[in-house]
C-alpha atoms as a PDB file:
ATOM      1  CA  MET A   1     -35.486   7.674  21.974  1.00  0.00           C
ATOM      2  CA  ALA A   2     -38.129   4.397  22.730  1.00  0.00           C
ATOM      3  CA  ALA A   3     -39.271   4.024  25.889  1.00  0.00           C
ATOM      4  CA  THR A   4     -39.115  -0.011  26.981  1.00  0.00           C
ATOM      5  CA  ALA A   5     -40.818  -1.736  28.925  1.00  0.00           C
ATOM      6  CA  GLY A   6     -39.778  -2.109  32.153  1.00  0.00           C
ATOM      7  CA  ASP A   7     -38.787   1.212  32.931  1.00  0.00           C
ATOM      8  CA  GLY A   8     -37.866   1.300  37.148  1.00  0.00           C
ATOM      9  CA  GLY A   9     -38.738   4.268  38.060  1.00  0.00           C
ATOM     10  CA  GLY A  10     -39.795   7.958  37.924  1.00  0.00           C
ATOM     11  CA  GLY A  11     -35.821   8.281  38.938  1.00  0.00           C
ATOM     12  CA  ALA A  12     -34.407   6.798  36.047  1.00  0.00           C
ATOM     13  CA  SER A  13     -36.908   8.089  33.449  1.00  0.00           C
ATOM     14  CA  GLN A  14     -36.025  11.473  34.828  1.00  0.00           C
ATOM     15  CA  LEU A  15     -31.849  10.841  34.481  1.00  0.00           C
ATOM     16  CA  LYS A  16     -32.715   9.197  31.003  1.00  0.00           C
ATOM     17  CA  ASP A  17     -34.111  13.029  29.965  1.00  0.00           C
ATOM     18  CA  GLN A  18     -31.461  14.602  31.616  1.00  0.00           C
ATOM     19  CA  GLY A  19     -28.790  12.628  29.567  1.00  0.00           C
ATOM     20  CA  ASN A  20     -30.812  13.248  26.317  1.00  0.00           C
ATOM     21  CA  ALA A  21     -31.181  16.855  26.608  1.00  0.00           C
ATOM     22  CA  PHE A  22     -27.359  17.152  27.038  1.00  0.00           C
ATOM     23  CA  PHE A  23     -26.723  14.861  24.492  1.00  0.00           C
ATOM     24  CA  LYS A  24     -29.545  17.247  21.830  1.00  0.00           C
ATOM     25  CA  ALA A  25     -26.386  20.075  23.347  1.00  0.00           C
ATOM     26  CA  GLY A  26     -23.200  17.597  22.237  1.00  0.00           C
ATOM     27  CA  ASN A  27     -22.297  16.790  25.777  1.00  0.00           C
ATOM     28  CA  PHE A  28     -22.099  13.896  25.439  1.00  0.00           C
ATOM     29  CA  LEU A  29     -19.896  12.561  28.538  1.00  0.00           C
ATOM     30  CA  LYS A  30     -22.756  14.018  30.524  1.00  0.00           C
ATOM     31  CA  ALA A  31     -25.501  12.448  29.028  1.00  0.00           C
ATOM     32  CA  ALA A  32     -23.116   9.102  29.244  1.00  0.00           C
ATOM     33  CA  ALA A  33     -22.334  10.025  32.833  1.00  0.00           C
ATOM     34  CA  LEU A  34     -26.244  10.756  33.311  1.00  0.00           C
ATOM     35  CA  TYR A  35     -27.402   7.330  31.325  1.00  0.00           C
ATOM     36  CA  THR A  36     -25.233   5.917  33.848  1.00  0.00           C
ATOM     37  CA  GLN A  37     -27.150   6.894  36.839  1.00  0.00           C
ATOM     38  CA  ALA A  38     -30.012   5.698  35.055  1.00  0.00           C
ATOM     39  CA  ILE A  39     -28.914   1.993  34.378  1.00  0.00           C
ATOM     40  CA  LYS A  40     -28.150   1.884  37.967  1.00  0.00           C
ATOM     41  CA  LEU A  41     -31.517   2.514  38.397  1.00  0.00           C
ATOM     42  CA  ASP A  42     -32.666   0.077  35.959  1.00  0.00           C
ATOM     43  CA  PRO A  43     -30.640  -2.354  34.829  1.00  0.00           C
ATOM     44  CA  SER A  44     -33.025  -4.090  32.702  1.00  0.00           C
ATOM     45  CA  ASN A  45     -33.790  -0.836  30.579  1.00  0.00           C
ATOM     46  CA  SER A  46     -32.374  -1.888  26.937  1.00  0.00           C
ATOM     47  CA  THR A  47     -33.104   2.043  25.818  1.00  0.00           C
ATOM     48  CA  LEU A  48     -30.945   3.498  28.495  1.00  0.00           C
ATOM     49  CA  TYR A  49     -28.278   1.122  26.915  1.00  0.00           C
ATOM     50  CA  SER A  50     -28.440   2.011  23.426  1.00  0.00           C
ATOM     51  CA  ASN A  51     -28.678   6.068  24.302  1.00  0.00           C
ATOM     52  CA  ARG A  52     -25.508   5.253  26.263  1.00  0.00           C
ATOM     53  CA  ALA A  53     -24.005   3.210  23.143  1.00  0.00           C
ATOM     54  CA  ALA A  54     -24.496   6.124  21.555  1.00  0.00           C
ATOM     55  CA  ALA A  55     -22.863   8.758  23.863  1.00  0.00           C
ATOM     56  CA  PHE A  56     -19.619   6.354  23.737  1.00  0.00           C
ATOM     57  CA  LEU A  57     -19.713   6.366  19.756  1.00  0.00           C
ATOM     58  CA  GLN A  58     -19.794   9.825  19.617  1.00  0.00           C
ATOM     59  CA  LEU A  59     -17.210  10.123  22.247  1.00  0.00           C
ATOM     60  CA  MET A  60     -14.848   7.669  20.384  1.00  0.00           C
ATOM     61  CA  LYS A  61     -15.100   4.469  23.172  1.00  0.00           C
ATOM     62  CA  LEU A  62     -16.383   2.385  20.164  1.00  0.00           C
ATOM     63  CA  ASN A  63     -15.777  -0.710  22.600  1.00  0.00           C
ATOM     64  CA  LYS A  64     -17.792   0.209  25.903  1.00  0.00           C
ATOM     65  CA  ALA A  65     -19.966   0.792  22.705  1.00  0.00           C
ATOM     66  CA  LEU A  66     -20.482  -1.716  21.600  1.00  0.00           C
ATOM     67  CA  SER A  67     -20.248  -3.758  24.727  1.00  0.00           C
ATOM     68  CA  ASP A  68     -23.868  -1.560  25.411  1.00  0.00           C
ATOM     69  CA  ALA A  69     -25.173  -1.902  22.170  1.00  0.00           C
ATOM     70  CA  GLU A  70     -24.758  -6.015  22.503  1.00  0.00           C
ATOM     71  CA  THR A  71     -26.497  -5.623  25.831  1.00  0.00           C
ATOM     72  CA  ALA A  72     -29.503  -3.911  24.866  1.00  0.00           C
ATOM     73  CA  ILE A  73     -30.237  -6.476  21.713  1.00  0.00           C
ATOM     74  CA  SER A  74     -29.951  -9.460  24.794  1.00  0.00           C
ATOM     75  CA  LEU A  75     -32.532  -7.439  26.612  1.00  0.00           C
ATOM     76  CA  ASN A  76     -35.030  -6.917  23.845  1.00  0.00           C
ATOM     77  CA  PRO A  77     -33.817  -9.040  20.823  1.00  0.00           C
ATOM     78  CA  GLN A  78     -36.911  -7.744  18.654  1.00  0.00           C
ATOM     79  CA  TRP A  79     -36.800  -4.402  18.626  1.00  0.00           C
ATOM     80  CA  GLU A  80     -34.218  -2.864  15.636  1.00  0.00           C
ATOM     81  CA  LYS A  81     -32.787   0.474  17.472  1.00  0.00           C
ATOM     82  CA  GLY A  82     -29.890  -1.956  18.999  1.00  0.00           C
ATOM     83  CA  TYR A  83     -28.896  -3.512  16.200  1.00  0.00           C
ATOM     84  CA  PHE A  84     -29.060  -0.554  14.191  1.00  0.00           C
ATOM     85  CA  ARG A  85     -26.603   1.670  17.018  1.00  0.00           C
ATOM     86  CA  LYS A  86     -24.144  -1.598  16.696  1.00  0.00           C
ATOM     87  CA  GLY A  87     -24.155  -1.560  13.266  1.00  0.00           C
ATOM     88  CA  CYS A  88     -23.224   2.388  13.401  1.00  0.00           C
ATOM     89  CA  VAL A  89     -20.830   1.178  16.212  1.00  0.00           C
ATOM     90  CA  LEU A  90     -18.924  -1.188  13.963  1.00  0.00           C
ATOM     91  CA  GLU A  91     -18.899   1.051  10.997  1.00  0.00           C
ATOM     92  CA  ALA A  92     -16.897   3.192  13.107  1.00  0.00           C
ATOM     93  CA  MET A  93     -15.114   0.599  13.918  1.00  0.00           C
ATOM     94  CA  GLU A  94     -14.585   0.042   9.870  1.00  0.00           C
ATOM     95  CA  ARG A  95     -15.894  -3.624  11.171  1.00  0.00           C
ATOM     96  CA  TYR A  96     -18.173  -2.923   7.561  1.00  0.00           C
ATOM     97  CA  ASP A  97     -19.142  -6.546   7.276  1.00  0.00           C
ATOM     98  CA  ASP A  98     -20.292  -7.180  10.582  1.00  0.00           C
ATOM     99  CA  ALA A  99     -21.747  -3.906  10.413  1.00  0.00           C
ATOM    100  CA  VAL A 100     -24.047  -4.355   7.587  1.00  0.00           C
ATOM    101  CA  VAL A 101     -24.858  -7.375   9.525  1.00  0.00           C
ATOM    102  CA  ALA A 102     -26.410  -6.451  12.618  1.00  0.00           C
ATOM    103  CA  LEU A 103     -27.990  -3.227   9.926  1.00  0.00           C
ATOM    104  CA  GLN A 104     -29.883  -6.618   8.066  1.00  0.00           C
ATOM    105  CA  GLU A 105     -30.367  -7.607  11.328  1.00  0.00           C
ATOM    106  CA  ALA A 106     -32.035  -3.876  12.242  1.00  0.00           C
ATOM    107  CA  LEU A 107     -34.430  -4.192   8.706  1.00  0.00           C
ATOM    108  CA  VAL A 108     -35.744  -7.913   9.919  1.00  0.00           C
ATOM    109  CA  TYR A 109     -37.611  -6.088  12.431  1.00  0.00           C
ATOM    110  CA  ASN A 110     -38.486  -2.900  10.743  1.00  0.00           C
ATOM    111  CA  PRO A 111     -38.392  -3.628   6.637  1.00  0.00           C
ATOM    112  CA  GLN A 112     -39.469   0.137   6.298  1.00  0.00           C
ATOM    113  CA  SER A 113     -36.756   1.668   7.949  1.00  0.00           C
ATOM    114  CA  VAL A 114     -34.856   4.215   4.506  1.00  0.00           C
ATOM    115  CA  GLU A 115     -32.610   4.605   6.863  1.00  0.00           C
ATOM    116  CA  VAL A 116     -31.230   1.496   7.468  1.00  0.00           C
ATOM    117  CA  SER A 117     -31.555   0.251   3.590  1.00  0.00           C
ATOM    118  CA  LYS A 118     -29.043   3.197   2.899  1.00  0.00           C
ATOM    119  CA  LYS A 119     -26.390   2.557   5.506  1.00  0.00           C
ATOM    120  CA  ILE A 120     -26.689  -1.426   3.750  1.00  0.00           C
ATOM    121  CA  LYS A 121     -25.720   0.302   0.547  1.00  0.00           C
ATOM    122  CA  LYS A 122     -23.111   2.505   1.829  1.00  0.00           C
ATOM    123  CA  LEU A 123     -21.549   0.256   4.362  1.00  0.00           C
ATOM    124  CA  SER A 124     -21.590  -2.389   1.576  1.00  0.00           C
ATOM    125  CA  LEU A 125     -19.432  -0.601  -0.590  1.00  0.00           C
ATOM    126  CA  LEU A 126     -16.805   0.599   1.985  1.00  0.00           C
ATOM    127  CA  ALA A 127     -16.726  -3.054   2.807  1.00  0.00           C
ATOM    128  CA  LYS A 128     -16.272  -4.149  -0.513  1.00  0.00           C
ATOM    129  CA  GLU A 129     -13.198  -0.977  -1.018  1.00  0.00           C
ATOM    130  CA  LYS A 130     -11.635  -2.209   2.060  1.00  0.00           C
ATOM    131  CA  LYS A 131     -10.967  -5.637   1.011  1.00  0.00           C
ATOM    132  CA  GLN A 132      -9.781  -4.623  -2.293  1.00  0.00           C
ATOM    133  CA  ALA A 133      -7.734  -1.911  -1.073  1.00  0.00           C
ATOM    134  CA  GLU A 134      -6.404  -4.654   1.780  1.00  0.00           C
ATOM    135  CA  GLU A 135      -5.794  -6.616  -1.584  1.00  0.00           C
ATOM    136  CA  LEU A 136      -3.752  -4.134  -3.325  1.00  0.00           C
ATOM    137  CA  GLU A 137      -1.739  -3.708  -0.033  1.00  0.00           C
ATOM    138  CA  SER A 138      -1.509  -7.834   0.321  1.00  0.00           C
ATOM    139  CA  ILE A 139       0.276  -7.801  -3.794  1.00  0.00           C
ATOM    140  CA  ARG A 140       2.480  -4.042  -3.250  1.00  0.00           C
ATOM    141  CA  SER A 141       4.105  -5.935   0.436  1.00  0.00           C
ATOM    142  CA  ARG A 142       4.522  -9.841  -2.038  1.00  0.00           C
ATOM    143  CA  LEU A 143       6.977  -7.680  -4.307  1.00  0.00           C
ATOM    144  CA  ASP A 144      10.343  -8.664  -1.807  1.00  0.00           C
ATOM    145  CA  MET A 145      13.310  -8.988  -4.491  1.00  0.00           C
ATOM    146  CA  LYS A 146      15.374 -10.466  -2.538  1.00  0.00           C
ATOM    147  CA  ILE A 147      12.912 -14.061  -3.536  1.00  0.00           C
ATOM    148  CA  TYR A 148      12.444 -12.509  -7.396  1.00  0.00           C
ATOM    149  CA  LEU A 149      15.972 -12.358  -7.781  1.00  0.00           C
ATOM    150  CA  GLU A 150      17.078 -16.399  -6.512  1.00  0.00           C
ATOM    151  CA  PRO A 151      17.785 -17.446  -9.240  1.00  0.00           C
ATOM    152  CA  PHE A 152      19.465 -14.640 -10.120  1.00  0.00           C
ATOM    153  CA  LYS A 153      21.566 -15.188  -7.271  1.00  0.00           C
ATOM    154  CA  SER A 154      23.039 -18.911  -8.503  1.00  0.00           C
ATOM    155  CA  GLU A 155      23.785 -16.369 -12.001  1.00  0.00           C
ATOM    156  CA  LEU A 156      26.089 -14.985 -10.249  1.00  0.00           C
ATOM    157  CA  VAL A 157      27.532 -18.141  -7.882  1.00  0.00           C
ATOM    158  CA  GLU A 158      29.017 -19.263 -11.262  1.00  0.00           C
ATOM    159  CA  LYS A 159      30.448 -16.280 -13.181  1.00  0.00           C
ATOM    160  CA  PHE A 160      31.732 -14.048  -9.974  1.00  0.00           C
ATOM    161  CA  VAL A 161      34.652 -16.395  -9.801  1.00  0.00           C
ATOM    162  CA  SER A 162      36.447 -14.843  -7.798  1.00  0.00           C
ATOM    163  CA  GLY A 163      33.691 -14.199  -5.651  1.00  0.00           C
ATOM    164  CA  GLY A 164      31.695 -11.012  -4.560  1.00  0.00           C
ATOM    165  CA  ASN A 165      28.600 -12.410  -5.522  1.00  0.00           C
ATOM    166  CA  GLU A 166      26.731 -11.749  -2.279  1.00  0.00           C
ATOM    167  CA  ASP A 167      27.958  -8.250  -1.912  1.00  0.00           C
ATOM    168  CA  VAL A 168      26.740  -7.666  -5.732  1.00  0.00           C
ATOM    169  CA  PHE A 169      23.396  -9.580  -5.523  1.00  0.00           C
ATOM    170  CA  PHE A 170      21.902  -7.622  -2.360  1.00  0.00           C
ATOM    171  CA  PHE A 171      23.614  -4.099  -4.212  1.00  0.00           C
ATOM    172  CA  LEU A 172      20.537  -5.126  -7.097  1.00  0.00           C
ATOM    173  CA  VAL A 173      18.750  -6.290  -4.431  1.00  0.00           C
ATOM    174  CA  ASN A 174      18.079  -3.042  -2.659  1.00  0.00           C
ATOM    175  CA  ILE A 175      18.180  -1.058  -5.618  1.00  0.00           C
ATOM    176  CA  MET A 176      14.968  -2.642  -6.494  1.00  0.00           C
ATOM    177  CA  ASP A 177      13.358  -2.454  -3.504  1.00  0.00           C
ATOM    178  CA  SER A 178      14.192   1.157  -2.867  1.00  0.00           C
ATOM    179  CA  ALA A 179      12.377   1.862  -6.932  1.00  0.00           C
ATOM    180  CA  ILE A 180       9.744   0.276  -6.175  1.00  0.00           C
ATOM    181  CA  LYS A 181       9.346   1.292  -3.339  1.00  0.00           C
ATOM    182  CA  THR A 182      10.024   5.197  -4.839  1.00  0.00           C
ATOM    183  CA  TRP A 183       7.830   4.609  -7.177  1.00  0.00           C
ATOM    184  CA  HIS A 184       4.948   3.224  -5.077  1.00  0.00           C
ATOM    185  CA  GLU A 185       4.777   6.799  -3.361  1.00  0.00           C
ATOM    186  CA  THR A 186       5.503   9.199  -6.214  1.00  0.00           C
ATOM    187  CA  SER A 187       4.848   6.845  -9.015  1.00  0.00           C
ATOM    188  CA  LYS A 188       8.686   8.634 -10.382  1.00  0.00           C
ATOM    189  CA  LEU A 189      11.936   8.066 -11.035  1.00  0.00           C
ATOM    190  CA  ASP A 190      14.684  10.305 -11.194  1.00  0.00           C
ATOM    191  CA  PRO A 191      17.403   7.663 -13.960  1.00  0.00           C
ATOM    192  CA  ARG A 192      20.129   7.071 -12.495  1.00  0.00           C
ATOM    193  CA  VAL A 193      23.189   5.034 -12.697  1.00  0.00           C
ATOM    194  CA  HIS A 194      24.416   3.088  -9.523  1.00  0.00           C
ATOM    195  CA  PHE A 195      27.093   2.048  -8.379  1.00  0.00           C
ATOM    196  CA  LEU A 196      28.925  -0.900  -6.357  1.00  0.00           C
ATOM    197  CA  LEU A 197      31.789   0.887  -5.767  1.00  0.00           C
ATOM    198  CA  ASP A 198      35.061  -1.176  -4.249  1.00  0.00           C
ATOM    199  CA  ALA A 199      35.434  -0.597  -0.875  1.00  0.00           C
ATOM    200  CA  GLU A 200      39.110  -0.607  -0.748  1.00  0.00           C
ATOM    201  CA  LYS A 201      40.291   0.936  -4.118  1.00  0.00           C
ATOM    202  CA  THR A 202      37.670   3.503  -4.874  1.00  0.00           C
ATOM    203  CA  GLN A 203      38.368   7.023  -4.863  1.00  0.00           C
ATOM    204  CA  THR A 204      35.124   8.345  -2.702  1.00  0.00           C
ATOM    205  CA  ASP A 205      36.438  11.920  -2.679  1.00  0.00           C
ATOM    206  CA  LYS A 206      36.457  11.248  -6.777  1.00  0.00           C
ATOM    207  CA  HIS A 207      33.792   8.899  -7.461  1.00  0.00           C
ATOM    208  CA  ALA A 208      29.937   9.152  -6.344  1.00  0.00           C
ATOM    209  CA  PRO A 209      27.765   5.579  -6.191  1.00  0.00           C
ATOM    210  CA  VAL A 210      25.578   7.011  -8.258  1.00  0.00           C
ATOM    211  CA  VAL A 211      25.287   9.462 -11.494  1.00  0.00           C
ATOM    212  CA  ASN A 212      22.403  11.399 -12.011  1.00  0.00           C
ATOM    213  CA  ILE A 213      21.412  10.989 -15.794  1.00  0.00           C
ATOM    214  CA  ASP A 214      18.240  12.832 -16.912  1.00  0.00           C
ATOM    215  CA  LYS A 215      19.756  14.890 -20.094  1.00  0.00           C
ATOM    216  CA  ALA A 216      21.013  11.012 -21.492  1.00  0.00           C
ATOM    217  CA  PHE A 217      17.968   9.885 -23.449  1.00  0.00           C
ATOM    218  CA  GLU A 218      17.311  13.817 -24.424  1.00  0.00           C
ATOM    219  CA  SER A 219      18.807  13.111 -28.543  1.00  0.00           C
ATOM    220  CA  PRO A 220      21.147  10.110 -29.593  1.00  0.00           C
ATOM    221  CA  HIS A 221      24.337  12.742 -29.187  1.00  0.00           C
ATOM    222  CA  MET A 222      23.366  13.180 -25.590  1.00  0.00           C
ATOM    223  CA  HIS A 223      22.757   9.458 -25.990  1.00  0.00           C
ATOM    224  CA  SER A 224      26.801   8.449 -26.772  1.00  0.00           C
ATOM    225  CA  ASN A 225      28.463  11.499 -24.493  1.00  0.00           C
ATOM    226  CA  CYS A 226      26.383   9.857 -21.744  1.00  0.00           C
ATOM    227  CA  PHE A 227      27.179   6.085 -22.749  1.00  0.00           C
ATOM    228  CA  SER A 228      31.505   7.262 -22.753  1.00  0.00           C
ATOM    229  CA  PHE A 229      31.290   9.098 -19.856  1.00  0.00           C
ATOM    230  CA  LEU A 230      30.057   5.804 -17.489  1.00  0.00           C
ATOM    231  CA  ARG A 231      31.650   3.608 -19.298  1.00  0.00           C
ATOM    232  CA  GLN A 232      35.225   6.121 -17.934  1.00  0.00           C
ATOM    233  CA  TYR A 233      33.419   5.960 -14.916  1.00  0.00           C
ATOM    234  CA  ALA A 234      33.098   2.111 -14.031  1.00  0.00           C
ATOM    235  CA  GLU A 235      36.796   1.627 -15.395  1.00  0.00           C
ATOM    236  CA  GLU A 236      38.124   5.035 -12.842  1.00  0.00           C
ATOM    237  CA  SER A 237      36.121   4.367  -9.205  1.00  0.00           C
ATOM    238  CA  PHE A 238      36.912   0.357  -9.547  1.00  0.00           C
ATOM    239  CA  SER A 239      33.024  -0.499  -9.688  1.00  0.00           C
ATOM    240  CA  LYS A 240      32.303  -3.973  -8.892  1.00  0.00           C
ATOM    241  CA  ALA A 241      28.803  -3.545 -11.151  1.00  0.00           C
ATOM    242  CA  ALA A 242      26.611  -1.042 -12.288  1.00  0.00           C
ATOM    243  CA  CYS A 243      23.056  -0.797 -11.973  1.00  0.00           C
ATOM    244  CA  LEU A 244      20.750   1.654 -14.498  1.00  0.00           C
ATOM    245  CA  VAL A 245      16.967   2.665 -13.025  1.00  0.00           C
ATOM    246  CA  ALA A 246      15.196   4.443 -15.488  1.00  0.00           C
ATOM    247  CA  PRO A 247      11.358   5.347 -15.752  1.00  0.00           C
ATOM    248  CA  LYS A 248      10.125   4.559 -19.385  1.00  0.00           C
ATOM    249  CA  SER A 249       8.823   7.696 -20.006  1.00  0.00           C
ATOM    250  CA  VAL A 250      11.670   9.452 -19.956  1.00  0.00           C
ATOM    251  CA  ILE A 251      13.779   7.186 -22.581  1.00  0.00           C
ATOM    252  CA  ALA A 252      13.092   9.433 -25.441  1.00  0.00           C
ATOM    253  CA  TYR A 253      16.350   7.076 -27.341  1.00  0.00           C
ATOM    254  CA  PRO A 254      16.427   4.696 -27.578  1.00  0.00           C
ATOM    255  CA  GLN A 255      13.166   4.230 -28.070  1.00  0.00           C
ATOM    256  CA  VAL A 256      12.984   0.376 -26.934  1.00  0.00           C
ATOM    257  CA  TRP A 257       9.525  -0.640 -27.149  1.00  0.00           C
ATOM    258  CA  LYS A 258       8.396   1.703 -29.994  1.00  0.00           C
ATOM    259  CA  GLY A 259      11.719  -0.614 -32.477  1.00  0.00           C
ATOM    260  CA  GLN A 260      10.448  -2.347 -35.884  1.00  0.00           C
ATOM    261  CA  GLY A 261      10.687  -6.195 -36.010  1.00  0.00           C
ATOM    262  CA  SER A 262      12.823  -7.739 -33.599  1.00  0.00           C
ATOM    263  CA  ARG A 263      12.654  -5.299 -31.548  1.00  0.00           C
ATOM    264  CA  LYS A 264       9.198  -4.638 -30.848  1.00  0.00           C
ATOM    265  CA  TRP A 265       7.980  -3.665 -27.620  1.00  0.00           C
ATOM    266  CA  LYS A 266       5.473  -6.429 -26.586  1.00  0.00           C
ATOM    267  CA  HIS A 267       4.973  -5.668 -23.606  1.00  0.00           C
ATOM    268  CA  GLY A 268       2.086  -3.496 -24.082  1.00  0.00           C
ATOM    269  CA  HIS A 269       1.421   0.494 -22.411  1.00  0.00           C
ATOM    270  CA  ALA A 270       2.123  -0.334 -18.835  1.00  0.00           C
ATOM    271  CA  ASP A 271       3.765   2.689 -17.717  1.00  0.00           C
ATOM    272  CA  GLY A 272       7.512   1.694 -14.729  1.00  0.00           C
ATOM    273  CA  PHE A 273      10.713   1.538 -15.111  1.00  0.00           C
ATOM    274  CA  PHE A 274      13.863   0.167 -16.789  1.00  0.00           C
ATOM    275  CA  VAL A 275      16.517  -1.803 -14.366  1.00  0.00           C
ATOM    276  CA  GLN A 276      19.384  -2.939 -15.929  1.00  0.00           C
ATOM    277  CA  PHE A 277      22.565  -4.835 -15.104  1.00  0.00           C
ATOM    278  CA  GLU A 278      26.067  -4.232 -15.559  1.00  0.00           C
ATOM    279  CA  SER A 279      28.904  -6.124 -14.670  1.00  0.00           C
ATOM    280  CA  PRO A 280      32.289  -7.582 -16.599  1.00  0.00           C
ATOM    281  CA  TYR A 281      30.513 -11.093 -16.352  1.00  0.00           C
ATOM    282  CA  LEU A 282      26.643 -10.946 -16.250  1.00  0.00           C
ATOM    283  CA  ARG A 283      23.838  -8.299 -17.748  1.00  0.00           C
ATOM    284  CA  LYS A 284      20.535  -8.883 -17.358  1.00  0.00           C
ATOM    285  CA  LEU A 285      17.076  -6.569 -18.030  1.00  0.00           C
ATOM    286  CA  TRP A 286      14.229  -5.680 -16.413  1.00  0.00           C
ATOM    287  CA  PHE A 287      10.984  -3.746 -16.925  1.00  0.00           C
ATOM    288  CA  VAL A 288       8.594  -3.266 -13.555  1.00  0.00           C
ATOM    289  CA  PRO A 289       5.289  -2.274 -15.024  1.00  0.00           C
ATOM    290  CA  SER A 290       3.071  -0.410 -12.889  1.00  0.00           C
ATOM    291  CA  SER A 291      -0.816   0.420 -12.641  1.00  0.00           C
ATOM    292  CA  SER A 292      -3.131   3.350 -11.097  1.00  0.00           C
ATOM    293  CA  GLU A 293      -5.967   1.018  -8.759  1.00  0.00           C
ATOM    294  CA  LYS A 294      -8.260   2.655  -6.746  1.00  0.00           C
ATOM    295  CA  GLY A 295      -5.363   5.970  -6.295  1.00  0.00           C
ATOM    296  CA  LYS A 296      -3.005   4.168  -5.964  1.00  0.00           C
ATOM    297  CA  THR A 297       0.313   3.271  -7.857  1.00  0.00           C
ATOM    298  CA  MET A 298       0.889  -0.851  -8.421  1.00  0.00           C
ATOM    299  CA  CYS A 299       4.232  -2.183  -9.462  1.00  0.00           C
ATOM    300  CA  ARG A 300       3.834  -6.030 -11.157  1.00  0.00           C
ATOM    301  CA  GLU A 301       6.675  -7.809 -10.826  1.00  0.00           C
ATOM    302  CA  PRO A 302       9.375  -7.411 -12.757  1.00  0.00           C
ATOM    303  CA  GLU A 303       9.393  -9.344 -16.308  1.00  0.00           C
ATOM    304  CA  ALA A 304      13.174 -10.576 -17.910  1.00  0.00           C
ATOM    305  CA  LEU A 305      13.529  -8.747 -21.003  1.00  0.00           C
ATOM    306  CA  ASP A 306      16.296  -9.766 -24.258  1.00  0.00           C
ATOM    307  CA  ILE A 307      18.936  -7.790 -22.911  1.00  0.00           C
ATOM    308  CA  ALA A 308      20.824  -8.286 -26.241  1.00  0.00           C
ATOM    309  CA  LEU A 309      17.069  -6.539 -27.631  1.00  0.00           C
ATOM    310  CA  HIS A 310      16.466  -3.629 -25.852  1.00  0.00           C
ATOM    311  CA  GLU A 311      19.165  -2.400 -24.106  1.00  0.00           C
ATOM    312  CA  VAL A 312      18.634   1.308 -22.657  1.00  0.00           C
ATOM    313  CA  LEU A 313      22.604   1.670 -22.321  1.00  0.00           C
ATOM    314  CA  PRO A 314      25.462  -0.603 -24.604  1.00  0.00           C
ATOM    315  CA  ARG A 315      27.682  -2.346 -21.819  1.00  0.00           C
ATOM    316  CA  LEU A 316      29.468  -0.678 -18.989  1.00  0.00           C
ATOM    317  CA  PHE A 317      32.171  -2.725 -18.419  1.00  0.00           C
ATOM    318  CA  LYS A 318      34.801  -4.594 -20.264  1.00  0.00           C
ATOM    319  CA  GLU A 319      34.710  -8.121 -20.607  1.00  0.00           C
ATOM    320  CA  PRO A 320      36.700 -10.049 -18.686  1.00  0.00           C
ATOM    321  CA  THR A 321      39.502 -11.887 -21.178  1.00  0.00           C
ATOM    322  CA  SER A 322      38.326 -15.600 -19.556  1.00  0.00           C
ATOM    323  CA  HIS A 323      35.485 -16.971 -16.723  1.00  0.00           C
ATOM    324  CA  SER A 324      33.802 -19.772 -16.381  1.00  0.00           C
END
C-alpha cells in the first residue's frame, strides 16, 4: 500500500504496518481497528483511509467503506488509489455505472493501469446487463390483467343481463394472472379448465373448480370425449363460466396454428399458452406469447384471437334462448 506525505510520526506508520499484516492474514476486523488507531494519530493521511476502506469492504461494511474512500479522495484528489477503492466499493453495492465513473477518474491519474482498464470493461458489461434485467422485470410487472381486460369488462356488463359480471370478470383476471405468474416461474402449465361454480347450487363434494385435461389433445377421439365430459360438467355443476388454460406445446390436436387457408396460424413461432373463456353469453380466446430473454421467461401481452377460427375447445355452455 502506497505511503503518502503527512505521516504524523512513527506511531501511525507502525500501526498502519501492523494493520497491513493483519489484512494480508485475512483478519480484516483487526486490520480495520489498527487503521482506526493510526487515523487518530494522523487524521490527514489518505492512505490510512484507503486501507481502512479496503478492510471495511472485506467486512461488507459498504457505507463505511465508501465514506473512507471518499475521505481518501478529498485528502489526496490526484491519487489513483482513492478512486480505485471507491470503484471497488460501488461495485460491491452493485452501483456499476457509478463504479465505472470512479474508475475512469482513477485512469486519469494512472493511464497505464491494466487492472483499472480491465475493471472498467467488466463493470460496463455488468451495468448493461443489470439495466437489461431491470427492463425485463419492468415489462413482466406491467402485465396487469385487470388493466388489460378492462375493455372485456364492459362487454360482460352488456351480456350478463342477470348480473354477476363482477364475479366473472375477477374469475378471469385471477386465472390469467396466476397462469402468467406460473409461466414466468416454471415456463410450463398443466392443461386445465377452471370453473366458476355457483356458491348456492353447486355440490362441491361432487364438482371441483378445476379439471385437468392433459390427455385431451392426444387424438381427435380423446378431444371429443374431453369436450363431451366438460360440457356435461359445466351443466351439472351449475357453473357460471369456465376458463381453459393450455400451453401451445401440448396441443397436437387441433393444430390451431398449423391449419390451412383462413385457419392458418398468423402469430409467429413464439412459445406460450392459450386462455379460452367460456360462458353462456360470451366466448373469448387469447394467446399469451412468451420468449426467453437473458435466461428469464418473458410473457408478452395477450393477443386476442378469433374464437371461430382458433377455438381450442368447442362451446361448453348452451346459448341462452334470449339475451341482449
